[in-house]
Amino acid sequence: MRNRFPGYCYYCTTLVPKGEGHFEKRQGAKGFRVIHAECVFKQREEKAKAVEAAQ
């Protein structure tokens, strides 16, 4: 879901303007965290490489 409020990307730590990223509910904490739409793809690639390397 797109972010309705600006915030700092938890992946690259730069500002994510309103509507240019996604928000996620924090696990075990109050509030939400924001990530750029482009950073989602970078994060997925890193996870896939880590899984591949572990096999």
PDB file of N, CA and C in Angstrom:
ATOM      1  N   MET A   1       0.847  -1.173   0.000  1.00  0.00           N
ATOM      2  CA  MET A   1       0.000   0.000   0.000  1.00  0.00           C
ATOM      3  C   MET A   1       0.901   1.247   0.000  1.00  0.00           C
ATOM      4  N   ARG A   2       0.553   2.221  -0.768  1.00  0.00           N
ATOM      5  CA  ARG A   2       1.363   3.439  -0.879  1.00  0.00           C
ATOM      6  C   ARG A   2       1.307   4.261   0.405  1.00  0.00           C
ATOM      7  N   ASN A   3       2.406   4.978   0.651  1.00  0.00           N
ATOM      8  CA  ASN A   3       2.469   5.806   1.852  1.00  0.00           C
ATOM      9  C   ASN A   3       1.677   7.098   1.666  1.00  0.00           C
ATOM     10  N   ARG A   4       0.886   7.436   2.670  1.00  0.00           N
ATOM     11  CA  ARG A   4       0.106   8.676   2.640  1.00  0.00           C
ATOM     12  C   ARG A   4       0.842   9.824   3.315  1.00  0.00           C
ATOM     13  N   PHE A   5       1.927   9.495   4.004  1.00  0.00           N
ATOM     14  CA  PHE A   5       2.722  10.505   4.698  1.00  0.00           C
ATOM     15  C   PHE A   5       4.192  10.309   4.338  1.00  0.00           C
ATOM     16  N   PRO A   6       4.965  11.387   4.286  1.00  0.00           N
ATOM     17  CA  PRO A   6       6.393  11.232   4.011  1.00  0.00           C
ATOM     18  C   PRO A   6       7.100  10.593   5.202  1.00  0.00           C
ATOM     19  N   GLY A   7       8.229   9.998   4.930  1.00  0.00           N
ATOM     20  CA  GLY A   7       9.034   9.392   5.992  1.00  0.00           C
ATOM     21  C   GLY A   7      10.380   8.976   5.426  1.00  0.00           C
ATOM     22  N   TYR A   8      11.242   8.446   6.276  1.00  0.00           N
ATOM     23  CA  TYR A   8      12.562   8.027   5.837  1.00  0.00           C
ATOM     24  C   TYR A   8      12.581   6.530   5.555  1.00  0.00           C
ATOM     25  N   CYS A   9      13.124   6.171   4.418  1.00  0.00           N
ATOM     26  CA  CYS A   9      13.209   4.786   3.973  1.00  0.00           C
ATOM     27  C   CYS A   9      14.082   3.995   4.937  1.00  0.00           C
ATOM     28  N   TYR A  10      13.581   2.856   5.409  1.00  0.00           N
ATOM     29  CA  TYR A  10      14.365   2.041   6.323  1.00  0.00           C
ATOM     30  C   TYR A  10      15.454   1.272   5.600  1.00  0.00           C
ATOM     31  N   TYR A  11      15.419   1.230   4.285  1.00  0.00           N
ATOM     32  CA  TYR A  11      16.430   0.511   3.506  1.00  0.00           C
ATOM     33  C   TYR A  11      17.602   1.420   3.130  1.00  0.00           C
ATOM     34  N   CYS A  12      17.305   2.590   2.581  1.00  0.00           N
ATOM     35  CA  CYS A  12      18.383   3.488   2.132  1.00  0.00           C
ATOM     36  C   CYS A  12      18.501   4.760   2.967  1.00  0.00           C
ATOM     37  N   THR A  13      17.617   4.968   3.897  1.00  0.00           N
ATOM     38  CA  THR A  13      17.596   6.083   4.866  1.00  0.00           C
ATOM     39  C   THR A  13      17.402   7.475   4.264  1.00  0.00           C
ATOM     40  N   THR A  14      16.911   7.568   3.030  1.00  0.00           N
ATOM     41  CA  THR A  14      16.610   8.883   2.453  1.00  0.00           C
ATOM     42  C   THR A  14      15.104   9.120   2.516  1.00  0.00           C
ATOM     43  N   LEU A  15      14.708  10.359   2.318  1.00  0.00           N
ATOM     44  CA  LEU A  15      13.308  10.747   2.437  1.00  0.00           C
ATOM     45  C   LEU A  15      12.445  10.137   1.334  1.00  0.00           C
ATOM     46  N   VAL A  16      11.306   9.607   1.736  1.00  0.00           N
ATOM     47  CA  VAL A  16      10.313   9.066   0.798  1.00  0.00           C
ATOM     48  C   VAL A  16       9.140  10.040   0.800  1.00  0.00           C
ATOM     49  N   PRO A  17       8.961  10.807  -0.278  1.00  0.00           N
ATOM     50  CA  PRO A  17       7.826  11.722  -0.335  1.00  0.00           C
ATOM     51  C   PRO A  17       6.495  10.976  -0.326  1.00  0.00           C
ATOM     52  N   LYS A  18       5.463  11.684   0.005  1.00  0.00           N
ATOM     53  CA  LYS A  18       4.109  11.122   0.047  1.00  0.00           C
ATOM     54  C   LYS A  18       3.776  10.458  -1.284  1.00  0.00           C
ATOM     55  N   GLY A  19       3.290   9.212  -1.233  1.00  0.00           N
ATOM     56  CA  GLY A  19       2.851   8.501  -2.418  1.00  0.00           C
ATOM     57  C   GLY A  19       3.935   7.864  -3.260  1.00  0.00           C
ATOM     58  N   GLU A  20       5.208   7.981  -2.876  1.00  0.00           N
ATOM     59  CA  GLU A  20       6.299   7.438  -3.694  1.00  0.00           C
ATOM     60  C   GLU A  20       6.923   6.187  -3.100  1.00  0.00           C
ATOM     61  N   GLY A  21       6.274   5.623  -2.103  1.00  0.00           N
ATOM     62  CA  GLY A  21       6.804   4.406  -1.494  1.00  0.00           C
ATOM     63  C   GLY A  21       5.691   3.573  -0.915  1.00  0.00           C
ATOM     64  N   HIS A  22       6.078   2.660  -0.046  1.00  0.00           N
ATOM     65  CA  HIS A  22       5.122   1.775   0.603  1.00  0.00           C
ATOM     66  C   HIS A  22       5.338   1.853   2.108  1.00  0.00           C
ATOM     67  N   PHE A  23       4.289   1.557   2.867  1.00  0.00           N
ATOM     68  CA  PHE A  23       4.455   1.519   4.313  1.00  0.00           C
ATOM     69  C   PHE A  23       4.198   0.110   4.804  1.00  0.00           C
ATOM     70  N   GLU A  24       4.821  -0.211   5.926  1.00  0.00           N
ATOM     71  CA  GLU A  24       4.656  -1.515   6.554  1.00  0.00           C
ATOM     72  C   GLU A  24       4.451  -1.303   8.040  1.00  0.00           C
ATOM     73  N   LYS A  25       3.581  -2.090   8.617  1.00  0.00           N
ATOM     74  CA  LYS A  25       3.385  -2.033  10.062  1.00  0.00           C
ATOM     75  C   LYS A  25       4.597  -2.680  10.718  1.00  0.00           C
ATOM     76  N   ARG A  26       5.126  -2.032  11.743  1.00  0.00           N
ATOM     77  CA  ARG A  26       6.277  -2.573  12.455  1.00  0.00           C
ATOM     78  C   ARG A  26       5.869  -3.766  13.299  1.00  0.00           C
ATOM     79  N   GLN A  27       6.694  -4.778  13.305  1.00  0.00           N
ATOM     80  CA  GLN A  27       6.406  -5.976  14.096  1.00  0.00           C
ATOM     81  C   GLN A  27       6.739  -5.699  15.560  1.00  0.00           C
ATOM     82  N   GLY A  28       5.773  -5.910  16.421  1.00  0.00           N
ATOM     83  CA  GLY A  28       5.995  -5.755  17.850  1.00  0.00           C
ATOM     84  C   GLY A  28       6.151  -4.329  18.335  1.00  0.00           C
ATOM     85  N   ALA A  29       5.854  -3.360  17.506  1.00  0.00           N
ATOM     86  CA  ALA A  29       5.989  -1.957  17.903  1.00  0.00           C
ATOM     87  C   ALA A  29       4.831  -1.152  17.316  1.00  0.00           C
ATOM     88  N   LYS A  30       4.620   0.004  17.885  1.00  0.00           N
ATOM     89  CA  LYS A  30       3.584   0.890  17.347  1.00  0.00           C
ATOM     90  C   LYS A  30       4.125   1.637  16.143  1.00  0.00           C
ATOM     91  N   GLY A  31       3.252   1.970  15.230  1.00  0.00           N
ATOM     92  CA  GLY A  31       3.622   2.788  14.086  1.00  0.00           C
ATOM     93  C   GLY A  31       3.939   1.990  12.836  1.00  0.00           C
ATOM     94  N   PHE A  32       4.436   2.709  11.854  1.00  0.00           N
ATOM     95  CA  PHE A  32       4.725   2.143  10.547  1.00  0.00           C
ATOM     96  C   PHE A  32       6.117   2.541  10.113  1.00  0.00           C
ATOM     97  N   ARG A  33       6.664   1.815   9.139  1.00  0.00           N
ATOM     98  CA  ARG A  33       7.931   2.191   8.529  1.00  0.00           C
ATOM     99  C   ARG A  33       7.697   2.313   7.034  1.00  0.00           C
ATOM    100  N   VAL A  34       8.558   3.074   6.366  1.00  0.00           N
ATOM    101  CA  VAL A  34       8.367   3.413   4.953  1.00  0.00           C
ATOM    102  C   VAL A  34       9.570   2.933   4.153  1.00  0.00           C
ATOM    103  N   ILE A  35       9.303   2.524   2.912  1.00  0.00           N
ATOM    104  CA  ILE A  35      10.377   2.118   1.993  1.00  0.00           C
ATOM    105  C   ILE A  35      10.035   2.647   0.598  1.00  0.00           C
ATOM    106  N   HIS A  36      11.067   3.085  -0.152  1.00  0.00           N
ATOM    107  CA  HIS A  36      10.867   3.503  -1.540  1.00  0.00           C
ATOM    108  C   HIS A  36      10.374   2.319  -2.365  1.00  0.00           C
ATOM    109  N   ALA A  37       9.604   2.599  -3.390  1.00  0.00           N
ATOM    110  CA  ALA A  37       9.138   1.543  -4.288  1.00  0.00           C
ATOM    111  C   ALA A  37      10.333   0.852  -4.950  1.00  0.00           C
ATOM    112  N   GLU A  38      11.372   1.604  -5.322  1.00  0.00           N
ATOM    113  CA  GLU A  38      12.564   1.025  -5.955  1.00  0.00           C
ATOM    114  C   GLU A  38      13.348   0.166  -4.974  1.00  0.00           C
ATOM    115  N   CYS A  39      13.379   0.564  -3.716  1.00  0.00           N
ATOM    116  CA  CYS A  39      14.137  -0.176  -2.709  1.00  0.00           C
ATOM    117  C   CYS A  39      13.514  -1.534  -2.405  1.00  0.00           C
ATOM    118  N   VAL A  40      12.216  -1.666  -2.639  1.00  0.00           N
ATOM    119  CA  VAL A  40      11.550  -2.958  -2.444  1.00  0.00           C
ATOM    120  C   VAL A  40      12.185  -3.993  -3.369  1.00  0.00           C
ATOM    121  N   PHE A  41      12.424  -3.615  -4.622  1.00  0.00           N
ATOM    122  CA  PHE A  41      13.011  -4.537  -5.589  1.00  0.00           C
ATOM    123  C   PHE A  41      14.454  -4.874  -5.229  1.00  0.00           C
ATOM    124  N   LYS A  42      15.211  -3.874  -4.778  1.00  0.00           N
ATOM    125  CA  LYS A  42      16.597  -4.108  -4.354  1.00  0.00           C
ATOM    126  C   LYS A  42      16.639  -5.060  -3.162  1.00  0.00           C
ATOM    127  N   GLN A  43      15.728  -4.861  -2.233  1.00  0.00           N
ATOM    128  CA  GLN A  43      15.660  -5.708  -1.046  1.00  0.00           C
ATOM    129  C   GLN A  43      15.315  -7.149  -1.425  1.00  0.00           C
ATOM    130  N   ARG A  44      14.398  -7.336  -2.346  1.00  0.00           N
ATOM    131  CA  ARG A  44      14.015  -8.681  -2.800  1.00  0.00           C
ATOM    132  C   ARG A  44      15.200  -9.393  -3.458  1.00  0.00           C
ATOM    133  N   GLU A  45      15.971  -8.643  -4.272  1.00  0.00           N
ATOM    134  CA  GLU A  45      17.142  -9.222  -4.924  1.00  0.00           C
ATOM    135  C   GLU A  45      18.156  -9.695  -3.894  1.00  0.00           C
ATOM    136  N   GLU A  46      18.412  -8.876  -2.881  1.00  0.00           N
ATOM    137  CA  GLU A  46      19.355  -9.244  -1.825  1.00  0.00           C
ATOM    138  C   GLU A  46      18.902 -10.499  -1.089  1.00  0.00           C
ATOM    139  N   LYS A  47      17.624 -10.564  -0.770  1.00  0.00           N
ATOM    140  CA  LYS A  47      17.092 -11.741  -0.071  1.00  0.00           C
ATOM    141  C   LYS A  47      17.221 -12.983  -0.929  1.00  0.00           C
ATOM    142  N   ALA A  48      16.927 -12.867  -2.221  1.00  0.00           N
ATOM    143  CA  ALA A  48      17.031 -14.015  -3.119  1.00  0.00           C
ATOM    144  C   ALA A  48      18.479 -14.492  -3.231  1.00  0.00           C
ATOM    145  N   LYS A  49      19.422 -13.567  -3.303  1.00  0.00           N
ATOM    146  CA  LYS A  49      20.843 -13.939  -3.369  1.00  0.00           C
ATOM    147  C   LYS A  49      21.283 -14.616  -2.083  1.00  0.00           C
ATOM    148  N   ALA A  50      20.805 -14.141  -0.942  1.00  0.00           N
ATOM    149  CA  ALA A  50      21.170 -14.740   0.337  1.00  0.00           C
ATOM    150  C   ALA A  50      20.622 -16.156   0.457  1.00  0.00           C
ATOM    151  N   VAL A  51      19.404 -16.363   0.000  1.00  0.00           N
ATOM    152  CA  VAL A  51      18.798 -17.711   0.030  1.00  0.00           C
ATOM    153  C   VAL A  51      19.567 -18.631  -0.909  1.00  0.00           C
ATOM    154  N   GLU A  52      19.922 -18.115  -2.074  1.00  0.00           N
ATOM    155  CA  GLU A  52      20.656 -18.900  -3.059  1.00  0.00           C
ATOM    156  C   GLU A  52      22.041 -19.293  -2.538  1.00  0.00           C
ATOM    157  N   ALA A  53      22.697 -18.366  -1.863  1.00  0.00           N
ATOM    158  CA  ALA A  53      24.027 -18.620  -1.309  1.00  0.00           C
ATOM    159  C   ALA A  53      23.970 -19.621  -0.156  1.00  0.00           C
ATOM    160  N   ALA A  54      22.875 -19.669   0.562  1.00  0.00           N
ATOM    161  CA  ALA A  54      22.731 -20.570   1.703  1.00  0.00           C
ATOM    162  C   ALA A  54      22.491 -22.010   1.256  1.00  0.00           C
ATOM    163  N   GLN A  55      22.109 -22.201   0.019  1.00  0.00           N
ATOM    164  CA  GLN A  55      21.795 -23.563  -0.466  1.00  0.00           C
ATOM    165  C   GLN A  55      23.014 -24.283  -0.940  1.00  0.00           C
TER     166      GLN A  55
END
